[in-house]
Amino acid sequence: MSLSPVLVVEDSDEDYQATLWAMQKLGRSDLLERCTDGDDALDRLSDRARPWPKLVLLDLNMPGTDGREVLAFIRSTPFLRPLPVVILSTSASERDVNTCYDLGANAYLLKPVNFTQYTEQLRVTLDFWLGLAQLPEPVEST
């Protein structure tokens, strides 16, 4: 059985590095897998030979295929639909928040600028999704 990664879809090297540092500071050993853009995420999520992610942390505003399109793809693809998707965005736009929930996001979080706040936000998010929530098993191929 392969380890299920937390899939981080993030185009910003700085934001991804902050996630790595926060994970280290929190003492978390979860396997992280990064996609640097929406197209990479679509390819990764479509590859059924790869381990099913246990959680998707999805940046919203990326060049090309953005987070909204990735989220719509996940929710329209039967074997991906159960995946928990948490949006991490700098956008506080009510329109963005509403659109993401309409598309089926499980949560929408603002990326704090302060590293200590980001670390705490990541701790709470991972504690909930990977510790408390009962997550779905991958849907088998038919």
N, C-alpha and C. Protein backbone atom coordinates (compact mmCIF):
# COMPACT_ATOMS: atom_id res chain seq x y z
N MET A 1 0.84 -1.18 0.00
CA MET A 1 0.00 0.00 0.00
C MET A 1 0.88 1.24 0.00
N SER A 2 0.61 2.18 -0.88
CA SER A 2 1.42 3.40 -0.95
C SER A 2 0.90 4.42 0.04
N LEU A 3 1.80 5.28 0.42
CA LEU A 3 1.42 6.37 1.30
C LEU A 3 0.63 7.40 0.51
N SER A 4 -0.46 7.88 1.10
CA SER A 4 -1.26 8.90 0.46
C SER A 4 -0.70 10.27 0.81
N PRO A 5 -0.40 11.06 -0.21
CA PRO A 5 0.17 12.38 0.06
C PRO A 5 -0.90 13.43 0.32
N VAL A 6 -0.47 14.53 0.89
CA VAL A 6 -1.25 15.76 0.86
C VAL A 6 -0.79 16.44 -0.43
N LEU A 7 -1.73 16.69 -1.33
CA LEU A 7 -1.39 17.31 -2.61
C LEU A 7 -1.51 18.82 -2.46
N VAL A 8 -0.39 19.51 -2.66
CA VAL A 8 -0.34 20.96 -2.56
C VAL A 8 -0.24 21.51 -3.97
N VAL A 9 -1.28 22.23 -4.39
CA VAL A 9 -1.29 22.83 -5.72
C VAL A 9 -1.00 24.31 -5.51
N GLU A 10 0.25 24.69 -5.78
CA GLU A 10 0.73 26.03 -5.44
C GLU A 10 1.79 26.48 -6.43
N ASP A 11 1.54 27.60 -7.11
CA ASP A 11 2.51 28.09 -8.08
C ASP A 11 3.62 28.92 -7.45
N SER A 12 3.40 29.46 -6.28
CA SER A 12 4.39 30.32 -5.63
C SER A 12 5.41 29.48 -4.86
N ASP A 13 6.68 29.59 -5.26
CA ASP A 13 7.74 28.88 -4.55
C ASP A 13 7.81 29.32 -3.09
N GLU A 14 7.61 30.63 -2.86
CA GLU A 14 7.68 31.17 -1.50
C GLU A 14 6.57 30.59 -0.63
N ASP A 15 5.35 30.52 -1.17
CA ASP A 15 4.24 29.97 -0.39
C ASP A 15 4.44 28.48 -0.13
N TYR A 16 4.95 27.75 -1.11
CA TYR A 16 5.20 26.33 -0.90
C TYR A 16 6.31 26.14 0.14
N GLN A 17 7.34 26.96 0.06
CA GLN A 17 8.42 26.87 1.05
C GLN A 17 7.89 27.16 2.45
N ALA A 18 6.98 28.13 2.57
CA ALA A 18 6.37 28.43 3.87
C ALA A 18 5.62 27.21 4.39
N THR A 19 4.95 26.48 3.49
CA THR A 19 4.24 25.27 3.90
C THR A 19 5.23 24.22 4.40
N LEU A 20 6.34 24.04 3.70
CA LEU A 20 7.36 23.09 4.15
C LEU A 20 7.91 23.47 5.52
N TRP A 21 8.22 24.76 5.70
CA TRP A 21 8.76 25.22 6.99
C TRP A 21 7.73 25.04 8.10
N ALA A 22 6.47 25.35 7.80
CA ALA A 22 5.42 25.20 8.80
C ALA A 22 5.27 23.73 9.19
N MET A 23 5.30 22.84 8.21
CA MET A 23 5.19 21.40 8.50
C MET A 23 6.34 20.96 9.39
N GLN A 24 7.54 21.45 9.09
CA GLN A 24 8.71 21.10 9.89
C GLN A 24 8.56 21.64 11.31
N LYS A 25 8.12 22.89 11.43
CA LYS A 25 7.95 23.50 12.75
C LYS A 25 6.90 22.75 13.56
N LEU A 26 5.87 22.23 12.88
CA LEU A 26 4.81 21.49 13.55
C LEU A 26 5.20 20.05 13.86
N GLY A 27 6.35 19.62 13.33
CA GLY A 27 6.79 18.25 13.55
C GLY A 27 5.96 17.23 12.79
N ARG A 28 5.34 17.66 11.69
CA ARG A 28 4.49 16.77 10.90
C ARG A 28 5.35 16.04 9.87
N SER A 29 5.04 14.77 9.69
CA SER A 29 5.80 13.98 8.73
C SER A 29 4.94 13.56 7.54
N ASP A 30 3.80 14.24 7.36
CA ASP A 30 2.93 13.90 6.23
C ASP A 30 3.70 14.06 4.93
N LEU A 31 3.47 13.13 4.03
CA LEU A 31 4.08 13.20 2.71
C LEU A 31 3.39 14.33 1.93
N LEU A 32 4.17 15.28 1.43
CA LEU A 32 3.64 16.35 0.60
C LEU A 32 4.03 16.09 -0.84
N GLU A 33 3.11 16.36 -1.73
CA GLU A 33 3.39 16.30 -3.16
C GLU A 33 2.93 17.63 -3.74
N ARG A 34 3.76 18.23 -4.56
CA ARG A 34 3.44 19.56 -5.10
C ARG A 34 3.16 19.51 -6.60
N CYS A 35 2.12 20.23 -6.98
CA CYS A 35 1.88 20.56 -8.38
C CYS A 35 2.03 22.06 -8.48
N THR A 36 2.78 22.52 -9.47
CA THR A 36 3.09 23.95 -9.55
C THR A 36 2.08 24.76 -10.36
N ASP A 37 1.13 24.08 -10.99
CA ASP A 37 0.09 24.81 -11.71
C ASP A 37 -1.12 23.90 -11.89
N GLY A 38 -2.19 24.48 -12.40
CA GLY A 38 -3.43 23.74 -12.55
C GLY A 38 -3.33 22.60 -13.54
N ASP A 39 -2.60 22.81 -14.63
CA ASP A 39 -2.45 21.74 -15.62
C ASP A 39 -1.73 20.53 -15.02
N ASP A 40 -0.68 20.82 -14.25
CA ASP A 40 0.07 19.76 -13.56
C ASP A 40 -0.87 19.02 -12.60
N ALA A 41 -1.73 19.76 -11.90
CA ALA A 41 -2.67 19.14 -10.97
C ALA A 41 -3.67 18.25 -11.70
N LEU A 42 -4.18 18.72 -12.84
CA LEU A 42 -5.13 17.91 -13.60
C LEU A 42 -4.48 16.61 -14.07
N ASP A 43 -3.24 16.70 -14.55
CA ASP A 43 -2.51 15.50 -14.98
C ASP A 43 -2.30 14.55 -13.79
N ARG A 44 -1.87 15.11 -12.67
CA ARG A 44 -1.59 14.30 -11.48
C ARG A 44 -2.86 13.60 -10.99
N LEU A 45 -3.94 14.36 -10.90
CA LEU A 45 -5.18 13.80 -10.37
C LEU A 45 -5.81 12.78 -11.32
N SER A 46 -5.52 12.89 -12.60
CA SER A 46 -6.06 11.95 -13.58
C SER A 46 -5.30 10.63 -13.63
N ASP A 47 -4.10 10.61 -13.05
CA ASP A 47 -3.25 9.43 -13.08
C ASP A 47 -3.64 8.47 -11.97
N ARG A 48 -4.46 7.49 -12.32
CA ARG A 48 -4.99 6.57 -11.31
C ARG A 48 -3.95 5.58 -10.82
N ALA A 49 -2.78 5.54 -11.46
CA ALA A 49 -1.72 4.65 -11.00
C ALA A 49 -0.98 5.24 -9.80
N ARG A 50 -1.13 6.54 -9.58
CA ARG A 50 -0.45 7.21 -8.46
C ARG A 50 -1.31 7.13 -7.20
N PRO A 51 -0.69 7.21 -6.02
CA PRO A 51 -1.46 7.16 -4.78
C PRO A 51 -2.50 8.28 -4.70
N TRP A 52 -3.66 7.92 -4.20
CA TRP A 52 -4.76 8.88 -4.05
C TRP A 52 -4.41 9.87 -2.97
N PRO A 53 -4.49 11.18 -3.24
CA PRO A 53 -4.20 12.15 -2.17
C PRO A 53 -5.23 12.04 -1.05
N LYS A 54 -4.79 12.25 0.18
CA LYS A 54 -5.74 12.23 1.29
C LYS A 54 -6.36 13.60 1.50
N LEU A 55 -5.72 14.64 0.94
CA LEU A 55 -6.20 16.01 1.08
C LEU A 55 -5.57 16.83 -0.03
N VAL A 56 -6.33 17.78 -0.58
CA VAL A 56 -5.80 18.70 -1.59
C VAL A 56 -5.84 20.10 -0.99
N LEU A 57 -4.66 20.73 -0.93
CA LEU A 57 -4.55 22.14 -0.56
C LEU A 57 -4.37 22.89 -1.86
N LEU A 58 -5.37 23.68 -2.24
CA LEU A 58 -5.44 24.23 -3.59
C LEU A 58 -5.37 25.74 -3.59
N ASP A 59 -4.34 26.28 -4.23
CA ASP A 59 -4.24 27.71 -4.46
C ASP A 59 -5.30 28.09 -5.49
N LEU A 60 -5.85 29.26 -5.36
CA LEU A 60 -6.94 29.67 -6.24
C LEU A 60 -6.43 30.38 -7.49
N ASN A 61 -5.57 31.35 -7.30
CA ASN A 61 -5.14 32.19 -8.42
C ASN A 61 -3.78 31.74 -8.93
N MET A 62 -3.83 31.02 -10.05
CA MET A 62 -2.62 30.55 -10.71
C MET A 62 -2.74 30.88 -12.18
N PRO A 63 -1.62 31.08 -12.86
CA PRO A 63 -1.70 31.32 -14.30
C PRO A 63 -2.18 30.07 -15.03
N GLY A 64 -2.82 30.26 -16.17
CA GLY A 64 -3.33 29.12 -16.94
C GLY A 64 -4.55 28.55 -16.25
N THR A 65 -4.57 27.24 -16.09
CA THR A 65 -5.67 26.58 -15.40
C THR A 65 -5.61 26.96 -13.92
N ASP A 66 -6.66 27.66 -13.45
CA ASP A 66 -6.61 28.15 -12.07
C ASP A 66 -7.29 27.16 -11.11
N GLY A 67 -7.28 27.53 -9.84
CA GLY A 67 -7.82 26.65 -8.82
C GLY A 67 -9.30 26.36 -8.98
N ARG A 68 -10.06 27.32 -9.51
CA ARG A 68 -11.50 27.11 -9.73
C ARG A 68 -11.71 25.98 -10.74
N GLU A 69 -10.90 26.00 -11.80
CA GLU A 69 -11.01 24.96 -12.84
C GLU A 69 -10.58 23.60 -12.30
N VAL A 70 -9.55 23.57 -11.46
CA VAL A 70 -9.10 22.31 -10.86
C VAL A 70 -10.20 21.77 -9.95
N LEU A 71 -10.78 22.65 -9.14
CA LEU A 71 -11.87 22.24 -8.25
C LEU A 71 -13.06 21.71 -9.04
N ALA A 72 -13.43 22.41 -10.11
CA ALA A 72 -14.56 21.95 -10.95
C ALA A 72 -14.25 20.57 -11.54
N PHE A 73 -13.01 20.36 -11.97
CA PHE A 73 -12.60 19.06 -12.51
C PHE A 73 -12.73 17.97 -11.45
N ILE A 74 -12.24 18.25 -10.25
CA ILE A 74 -12.31 17.26 -9.17
C ILE A 74 -13.76 16.87 -8.90
N ARG A 75 -14.62 17.86 -8.79
CA ARG A 75 -16.02 17.58 -8.43
C ARG A 75 -16.82 16.99 -9.58
N SER A 76 -16.34 17.12 -10.81
CA SER A 76 -17.07 16.55 -11.96
C SER A 76 -16.52 15.18 -12.36
N THR A 77 -15.48 14.72 -11.69
CA THR A 77 -14.86 13.43 -12.01
C THR A 77 -15.23 12.44 -10.91
N PRO A 78 -16.05 11.43 -11.24
CA PRO A 78 -16.58 10.55 -10.19
C PRO A 78 -15.55 9.97 -9.23
N PHE A 79 -14.41 9.49 -9.71
CA PHE A 79 -13.47 8.87 -8.78
C PHE A 79 -12.71 9.89 -7.93
N LEU A 80 -12.75 11.18 -8.30
CA LEU A 80 -12.10 12.22 -7.52
C LEU A 80 -13.07 12.97 -6.60
N ARG A 81 -14.34 12.90 -6.92
CA ARG A 81 -15.35 13.71 -6.21
C ARG A 81 -15.24 13.66 -4.69
N PRO A 82 -14.94 12.50 -4.08
CA PRO A 82 -14.89 12.46 -2.61
C PRO A 82 -13.68 13.17 -1.98
N LEU A 83 -12.68 13.51 -2.79
CA LEU A 83 -11.46 14.12 -2.22
C LEU A 83 -11.79 15.40 -1.45
N PRO A 84 -11.27 15.54 -0.23
CA PRO A 84 -11.43 16.81 0.47
C PRO A 84 -10.50 17.86 -0.15
N VAL A 85 -11.08 19.02 -0.45
CA VAL A 85 -10.32 20.11 -1.08
C VAL A 85 -10.46 21.35 -0.21
N VAL A 86 -9.30 21.86 0.24
CA VAL A 86 -9.24 23.10 1.01
C VAL A 86 -8.58 24.16 0.15
N ILE A 87 -9.30 25.24 -0.10
CA ILE A 87 -8.76 26.35 -0.86
C ILE A 87 -7.89 27.20 0.06
N LEU A 88 -6.68 27.52 -0.39
CA LEU A 88 -5.80 28.44 0.32
C LEU A 88 -5.55 29.60 -0.64
N SER A 89 -6.05 30.78 -0.30
CA SER A 89 -5.98 31.89 -1.24
C SER A 89 -5.68 33.20 -0.52
N THR A 90 -5.13 34.13 -1.28
CA THR A 90 -4.96 35.49 -0.77
C THR A 90 -6.20 36.33 -1.03
N SER A 91 -7.14 35.81 -1.79
CA SER A 91 -8.34 36.55 -2.15
C SER A 91 -9.42 36.44 -1.08
N ALA A 92 -9.84 37.58 -0.57
CA ALA A 92 -10.95 37.63 0.39
C ALA A 92 -12.25 37.98 -0.32
N SER A 93 -12.23 37.97 -1.64
CA SER A 93 -13.40 38.34 -2.44
C SER A 93 -14.59 37.43 -2.13
N GLU A 94 -15.73 38.03 -1.80
CA GLU A 94 -16.94 37.26 -1.53
C GLU A 94 -17.31 36.41 -2.74
N ARG A 95 -17.07 36.96 -3.91
CA ARG A 95 -17.36 36.21 -5.15
C ARG A 95 -16.51 34.95 -5.23
N ASP A 96 -15.20 35.07 -4.94
CA ASP A 96 -14.32 33.90 -4.97
C ASP A 96 -14.76 32.86 -3.95
N VAL A 97 -15.06 33.32 -2.73
CA VAL A 97 -15.49 32.40 -1.67
C VAL A 97 -16.75 31.66 -2.11
N ASN A 98 -17.75 32.41 -2.57
CA ASN A 98 -19.02 31.80 -2.99
C ASN A 98 -18.83 30.84 -4.16
N THR A 99 -18.03 31.25 -5.14
CA THR A 99 -17.77 30.39 -6.29
C THR A 99 -17.15 29.06 -5.86
N CYS A 100 -16.18 29.13 -4.98
CA CYS A 100 -15.50 27.90 -4.54
C CYS A 100 -16.45 26.98 -3.78
N TYR A 101 -17.28 27.53 -2.91
CA TYR A 101 -18.24 26.68 -2.22
C TYR A 101 -19.28 26.13 -3.18
N ASP A 102 -19.70 26.95 -4.15
CA ASP A 102 -20.65 26.46 -5.17
C ASP A 102 -20.05 25.31 -5.97
N LEU A 103 -18.74 25.36 -6.19
CA LEU A 103 -18.05 24.31 -6.95
C LEU A 103 -17.75 23.07 -6.10
N GLY A 104 -17.97 23.17 -4.78
CA GLY A 104 -17.79 22.00 -3.93
C GLY A 104 -16.57 21.99 -3.03
N ALA A 105 -15.96 23.17 -2.79
CA ALA A 105 -14.83 23.21 -1.85
C ALA A 105 -15.30 22.79 -0.47
N ASN A 106 -14.42 22.09 0.25
CA ASN A 106 -14.73 21.71 1.63
C ASN A 106 -14.44 22.83 2.61
N ALA A 107 -13.50 23.70 2.26
CA ALA A 107 -13.17 24.85 3.10
C ALA A 107 -12.45 25.88 2.25
N TYR A 108 -12.55 27.14 2.69
CA TYR A 108 -11.88 28.26 2.01
C TYR A 108 -11.15 29.03 3.10
N LEU A 109 -9.82 29.05 2.99
CA LEU A 109 -9.00 29.73 3.99
C LEU A 109 -8.17 30.82 3.34
N LEU A 110 -8.06 31.95 4.04
CA LEU A 110 -7.18 33.02 3.57
C LEU A 110 -5.76 32.71 4.02
N LYS A 111 -4.81 32.92 3.11
CA LYS A 111 -3.40 32.72 3.45
C LYS A 111 -2.96 33.91 4.30
N PRO A 112 -2.61 33.66 5.57
CA PRO A 112 -2.10 34.76 6.38
C PRO A 112 -0.71 35.18 5.88
N VAL A 113 -0.41 36.46 6.02
CA VAL A 113 0.91 36.96 5.63
C VAL A 113 1.93 36.60 6.71
N ASN A 114 1.49 36.55 7.95
CA ASN A 114 2.35 36.27 9.09
C ASN A 114 2.62 34.77 9.17
N PHE A 115 3.90 34.39 9.25
CA PHE A 115 4.28 32.97 9.25
C PHE A 115 3.72 32.24 10.46
N THR A 116 3.73 32.87 11.62
CA THR A 116 3.20 32.23 12.83
C THR A 116 1.72 31.93 12.67
N GLN A 117 0.97 32.87 12.10
CA GLN A 117 -0.46 32.66 11.87
C GLN A 117 -0.67 31.55 10.83
N TYR A 118 0.15 31.56 9.78
CA TYR A 118 0.03 30.52 8.75
C TYR A 118 0.30 29.14 9.35
N THR A 119 1.33 29.04 10.18
CA THR A 119 1.67 27.77 10.81
C THR A 119 0.51 27.26 11.66
N GLU A 120 -0.10 28.16 12.43
CA GLU A 120 -1.24 27.77 13.26
C GLU A 120 -2.43 27.36 12.41
N GLN A 121 -2.67 28.10 11.35
CA GLN A 121 -3.78 27.76 10.44
C GLN A 121 -3.56 26.38 9.82
N LEU A 122 -2.33 26.11 9.40
CA LEU A 122 -2.01 24.81 8.82
C LEU A 122 -2.17 23.71 9.86
N ARG A 123 -1.74 23.97 11.09
CA ARG A 123 -1.88 22.98 12.17
C ARG A 123 -3.35 22.61 12.37
N VAL A 124 -4.19 23.62 12.49
CA VAL A 124 -5.62 23.37 12.73
C VAL A 124 -6.23 22.62 11.53
N THR A 125 -5.88 23.05 10.33
CA THR A 125 -6.41 22.42 9.12
C THR A 125 -6.02 20.95 9.05
N LEU A 126 -4.75 20.66 9.23
CA LEU A 126 -4.27 19.27 9.15
C LEU A 126 -4.78 18.44 10.31
N ASP A 127 -4.84 19.03 11.51
CA ASP A 127 -5.38 18.29 12.65
C ASP A 127 -6.82 17.87 12.38
N PHE A 128 -7.60 18.78 11.79
CA PHE A 128 -8.98 18.45 11.50
C PHE A 128 -9.08 17.40 10.39
N TRP A 129 -8.51 17.72 9.21
CA TRP A 129 -8.71 16.85 8.04
C TRP A 129 -7.98 15.52 8.15
N LEU A 130 -6.82 15.51 8.80
CA LEU A 130 -6.05 14.26 8.86
C LEU A 130 -6.14 13.58 10.21
N GLY A 131 -6.75 14.26 11.20
CA GLY A 131 -6.85 13.68 12.52
C GLY A 131 -8.27 13.39 12.97
N LEU A 132 -9.18 14.33 12.72
CA LEU A 132 -10.55 14.18 13.21
C LEU A 132 -11.53 13.69 12.16
N ALA A 133 -11.45 14.24 10.97
CA ALA A 133 -12.43 13.92 9.93
C ALA A 133 -12.26 12.48 9.45
N GLN A 134 -13.37 11.82 9.23
CA GLN A 134 -13.35 10.50 8.60
C GLN A 134 -13.26 10.73 7.10
N LEU A 135 -12.16 10.36 6.50
CA LEU A 135 -11.94 10.62 5.08
C LEU A 135 -12.38 9.44 4.24
N PRO A 136 -12.81 9.71 3.00
CA PRO A 136 -13.24 8.63 2.12
C PRO A 136 -12.06 7.81 1.62
N GLU A 137 -12.34 6.58 1.30
CA GLU A 137 -11.34 5.73 0.65
C GLU A 137 -11.40 6.02 -0.85
N PRO A 138 -10.30 5.77 -1.55
CA PRO A 138 -10.31 5.95 -3.00
C PRO A 138 -11.40 5.10 -3.65
N VAL A 139 -12.03 5.66 -4.65
CA VAL A 139 -13.03 4.92 -5.42
C VAL A 139 -12.29 3.97 -6.33
N GLU A 140 -12.67 2.70 -6.32
CA GLU A 140 -11.99 1.71 -7.15
C GLU A 140 -12.31 1.91 -8.62
N SER A 141 -11.39 1.52 -9.46
CA SER A 141 -11.61 1.58 -10.90
C SER A 141 -12.73 0.64 -11.29
N THR A 142 -13.50 1.07 -12.28
CA THR A 142 -14.58 0.19 -12.74
C THR A 142 -14.35 -0.23 -14.16
